[in-house]
Protein backbone atom coordinates (compact mmCIF):
# COMPACT_ATOMS: atom_id res chain seq x y z
CA UNK A 1 -23.08 10.36 26.66
CA UNK A 2 -21.64 7.01 25.41
CA UNK A 3 -21.98 3.65 27.25
CA UNK A 4 -19.15 1.30 27.71
CA UNK A 5 -19.61 -2.25 29.45
CA UNK A 6 -17.02 -3.09 32.07
CA UNK A 7 -16.42 -6.55 31.59
CA UNK A 8 -14.96 -9.50 29.55
CA UNK A 9 -17.63 -11.79 29.28
CA UNK A 10 -18.56 -12.40 25.97
CA UNK A 11 -22.10 -13.62 26.30
CA UNK A 12 -22.87 -10.18 28.03
CA UNK A 13 -21.05 -8.27 25.42
CA UNK A 14 -22.88 -9.96 22.51
CA UNK A 15 -26.31 -9.43 23.94
CA UNK A 16 -25.79 -5.35 25.17
CA UNK A 17 -24.49 -4.94 21.27
CA UNK A 18 -27.45 -6.71 19.77
CA UNK A 19 -29.41 -4.39 21.79
CA UNK A 20 -27.65 -1.21 20.49
CA UNK A 21 -26.57 -0.42 23.69
CA UNK A 22 -22.85 -0.36 23.40
CA UNK A 23 -20.36 2.17 22.35
CA UNK A 24 -17.34 -0.02 23.38
CA UNK A 25 -15.81 -1.72 25.98
CA UNK A 26 -12.94 -1.96 28.65
CA UNK A 27 -11.70 -4.48 30.66
CA UNK A 28 -8.62 -4.96 33.07
CA UNK A 29 -6.69 -7.54 34.22
CA UNK A 30 -9.27 -8.57 36.93
CA UNK A 31 -12.05 -9.10 34.58
CA UNK A 32 -9.70 -11.07 32.09
CA UNK A 33 -9.16 -13.58 35.47
CA UNK A 34 -12.69 -13.64 36.14
CA UNK A 35 -13.53 -15.46 32.52
CA UNK A 36 -11.20 -17.49 32.86
CA UNK A 37 -9.52 -17.48 29.37
CA UNK A 38 -6.43 -16.59 27.61
CA UNK A 39 -6.07 -12.77 27.59
CA UNK A 40 -5.46 -12.29 23.87
CA UNK A 41 -8.14 -14.89 22.73
CA UNK A 42 -10.77 -12.46 25.06
CA UNK A 43 -9.39 -9.06 23.43
CA UNK A 44 -9.84 -10.38 19.67
CA UNK A 45 -12.81 -12.09 20.60
CA UNK A 46 -14.70 -8.59 22.16
CA UNK A 47 -13.03 -6.51 19.62
CA UNK A 48 -14.29 -8.94 16.50
CA UNK A 49 -17.87 -8.14 17.84
CA UNK A 50 -17.92 -4.83 19.34
CA UNK A 51 -16.94 -2.24 16.42
CA UNK A 52 -16.17 0.43 18.87
CA UNK A 53 -13.01 0.98 21.50
CA UNK A 54 -11.94 -1.75 23.52
CA UNK A 55 -9.37 -0.68 26.20
CA UNK A 56 -7.01 -3.54 26.82
CA UNK A 57 -4.70 -3.00 29.88
CA UNK A 58 -1.28 -3.47 30.13
CA UNK A 59 0.09 -5.99 32.58
CA UNK A 60 3.64 -4.03 33.55
CA UNK A 61 4.67 -1.16 35.75
CA UNK A 62 7.82 0.43 33.98
CA UNK A 63 8.38 2.11 31.10
CA UNK A 64 10.04 -0.11 28.87
CA UNK A 65 7.77 -3.24 29.39
CA UNK A 66 4.36 -1.16 29.41
CA UNK A 67 5.92 -0.22 25.61
CA UNK A 68 6.65 -3.30 24.79
CA UNK A 69 2.93 -4.71 25.82
CA UNK A 70 0.96 -1.88 24.55
CA UNK A 71 2.77 -2.69 21.02
CA UNK A 72 1.56 -6.11 21.42
CA UNK A 73 -2.09 -5.12 22.35
CA UNK A 74 -2.24 -2.73 20.01
CA UNK A 75 -1.79 -5.14 16.79
CA UNK A 76 -4.30 -7.22 18.25
CA UNK A 77 -7.33 -5.38 16.72
CA UNK A 78 -7.47 -1.72 14.87
CA UNK A 79 -9.98 -0.47 17.64
CA UNK A 80 -7.74 -1.70 20.72
CA UNK A 81 -6.97 1.37 23.09
CA UNK A 82 -4.18 0.46 25.37
CA UNK A 83 -4.57 0.95 28.74
CA UNK A 84 -1.89 2.13 31.19
CA UNK A 85 -1.68 3.24 34.96
CA UNK A 86 -1.84 7.11 35.71
CA UNK A 87 2.08 6.88 37.35
CA UNK A 88 5.16 8.64 35.86
CA UNK A 89 6.03 5.78 33.78
CA UNK A 90 2.26 5.23 32.60
CA UNK A 91 2.15 8.87 31.49
CA UNK A 92 5.52 9.09 30.06
CA UNK A 93 4.31 5.30 27.91
CA UNK A 94 0.95 7.14 27.09
CA UNK A 95 2.39 10.17 25.45
CA UNK A 96 5.09 7.53 23.69
CA UNK A 97 1.89 5.20 22.41
CA UNK A 98 -0.37 8.43 21.49
CA UNK A 99 2.63 10.09 19.63
CA UNK A 100 2.50 6.81 17.30
CA UNK A 101 -0.82 6.97 16.75
CA UNK A 102 -1.91 4.42 19.20
CA UNK A 103 -5.15 5.31 21.32
CA UNK A 104 -4.61 5.37 24.93
CA UNK A 105 -6.81 5.10 28.07
CA UNK A 106 -5.24 6.38 31.37
CA UNK A 107 -6.61 4.65 34.40
CA UNK A 108 -6.95 4.69 38.24
CA UNK A 109 -7.59 8.74 37.97
CA UNK A 110 -8.43 9.69 41.54
CA UNK A 111 -7.72 13.76 41.25
CA UNK A 112 -8.04 16.24 38.83
CA UNK A 113 -4.37 17.21 38.59
CA UNK A 114 -4.10 13.33 37.80
CA UNK A 115 -6.40 14.26 34.92
CA UNK A 116 -4.29 17.28 33.53
CA UNK A 117 -1.32 15.33 33.55
CA UNK A 118 -2.99 12.47 31.25
CA UNK A 119 -4.64 15.07 28.93
CA UNK A 120 -1.36 16.98 28.50
CA UNK A 121 0.52 13.64 27.80
CA UNK A 122 -2.06 13.10 25.17
CA UNK A 123 -4.42 10.43 26.48
CA UNK A 124 -7.50 9.34 24.24
CA UNK A 125 -9.39 8.75 27.06
CA UNK A 126 -9.44 9.53 31.26
CA UNK A 127 -10.95 6.94 33.67
CA UNK A 128 -11.52 8.50 36.93
CA UNK A 129 -13.18 5.97 39.47
CA UNK A 130 -16.22 6.67 41.50
CA UNK A 131 -17.18 4.25 43.35
CA UNK A 132 -13.43 4.10 44.68
CA UNK A 133 -13.55 7.46 46.01
CA UNK A 134 -16.88 6.85 46.90
CA UNK A 135 -15.48 3.65 49.28
CA UNK A 136 -13.36 6.59 51.35
CA UNK A 137 -16.38 8.88 51.63
CA UNK A 138 -15.23 11.72 48.76
CA UNK A 139 -16.82 12.67 45.63
CA UNK A 140 -16.36 11.00 42.97
CA UNK A 141 -19.33 12.99 40.81
CA UNK A 142 -17.25 16.15 41.97
CA UNK A 143 -14.54 14.56 40.46
CA UNK A 144 -15.74 14.13 37.07
CA UNK A 145 -17.13 18.21 37.43
CA UNK A 146 -13.72 19.32 37.71
CA UNK A 147 -12.33 17.63 35.24
CA UNK A 148 -14.76 18.31 33.09
CA UNK A 149 -14.01 22.33 34.11
CA UNK A 150 -10.42 22.05 33.48
CA UNK A 151 -10.48 20.00 29.92
CA UNK A 152 -13.17 22.82 28.83
CA UNK A 153 -11.11 25.83 30.25
CA UNK A 154 -8.31 24.64 27.98
CA UNK A 155 -10.09 22.51 24.96
CA UNK A 156 -7.92 19.56 25.87
CA UNK A 157 -9.78 16.54 23.68
CA UNK A 158 -9.29 13.89 26.30
CA UNK A 159 -12.10 12.09 26.84
CA UNK A 160 -13.94 11.43 30.31
CA UNK A 161 -14.50 7.91 30.57
CA UNK A 162 -16.15 7.52 34.47
CA UNK A 163 -15.07 4.23 35.84
CA UNK A 164 -15.74 2.04 39.11
CA UNK A 165 -19.62 2.78 38.41
CA UNK A 166 -21.79 0.91 40.76
CA UNK A 167 -25.56 2.16 40.63
CA UNK A 168 -28.32 3.55 38.24
CA UNK A 169 -27.28 6.84 40.35
CA UNK A 170 -23.96 7.24 39.45
CA UNK A 171 -24.85 6.89 35.81
CA UNK A 172 -27.46 9.90 36.13
CA UNK A 173 -25.00 12.08 37.89
CA UNK A 174 -21.81 11.57 35.39
CA UNK A 175 -24.07 12.47 32.67
CA UNK A 176 -25.30 15.49 34.14
CA UNK A 177 -21.27 15.89 35.67
CA UNK A 178 -20.77 16.23 31.68
CA UNK A 179 -18.77 13.03 31.26
CA UNK A 180 -18.27 11.78 27.73
CA UNK A 181 -18.65 8.30 28.44
CA UNK A 182 -19.75 5.72 31.35
CA UNK A 183 -18.09 2.31 31.59
CA UNK A 184 -20.88 0.19 33.01
CA UNK A 185 -21.40 -3.51 34.67
CA UNK A 186 -23.87 -5.32 32.58
CA UNK A 187 -26.00 -5.80 35.75
CA UNK A 188 -26.37 -1.85 36.31
CA UNK A 189 -26.91 -1.35 32.42
CA UNK A 190 -29.69 -3.86 32.86
CA UNK A 191 -31.34 -1.95 35.94
CA UNK A 192 -31.37 1.56 33.96
CA UNK A 193 -34.72 0.19 32.22
CA UNK A 194 -36.14 -1.05 35.73
CA UNK A 195 -38.74 1.73 37.52
CA UNK A 196 -41.79 0.67 39.43
CA UNK A 197 -44.37 2.94 37.91
CA UNK A 198 -43.17 0.94 34.60
CA UNK A 199 -43.52 -2.08 35.53
CA UNK A 200 -47.42 -1.32 37.49
CA UNK A 201 -48.40 0.69 34.47
CA UNK A 202 -47.77 -2.52 32.10
CA UNK A 203 -49.38 -4.85 34.69
CA UNK A 204 -52.12 -2.79 34.37
CA UNK A 205 -52.43 -2.95 30.32
CA UNK A 206 -51.53 -6.59 30.49
CA UNK A 207 -54.42 -7.56 32.78
CA UNK A 208 -56.87 -4.93 30.85
CA UNK A 209 -55.78 -6.42 27.80
CA UNK A 210 -56.66 -10.30 28.71
CA UNK A 211 -60.08 -9.09 30.19
CA UNK A 212 -60.97 -8.06 26.19
CA UNK A 213 -60.17 -11.71 25.05
CA UNK A 214 -58.70 -10.04 21.82
CA UNK A 215 -55.27 -10.81 20.07
CA UNK A 216 -53.36 -9.28 17.77
CA UNK A 217 -51.97 -12.18 16.21
């Protein structure tokens, strides 16, 4: 499963990229606003650091403006993926942009039928939101499983990009469900390495090593 970081913070991106943990990046208007920087400037810098796909979202909701914005975003860097909302206008824009060879991430997916429409419109990625479904007592992981089955049934090439991931358990669950990609906040990526038994074992090794009085250096 590919790991994307869901952030617009360039220092986090540089650190994760140096560790070899990043296959791509997803951003959205909220994340860009949190960075306090100019939108295009942020996207260009991220694309210069990460060679993989970088999702940059349109800010409009009507087809004509989405197309104009999509063309501007696609020209920022070769690895930009234009992100559009899962609406009728967004699906229409997805079809048009993908027909031009522009990669598209269709976001805010909450049902299998929505995912089916996105695949039929040529989406490169579909972004189902797990955490937001969990918030209203629905099963976000089940949605991933349903999309996986539908896409496999008909050999759709659209990749499932699990989004709104909030815990390490979410990462495990979407990997088991067959998601192609998980886009994860940096803080959660770091938590994936944590385990109390790892810490306990390391503490014991360090203590025993110090007792020998030796040094490798």
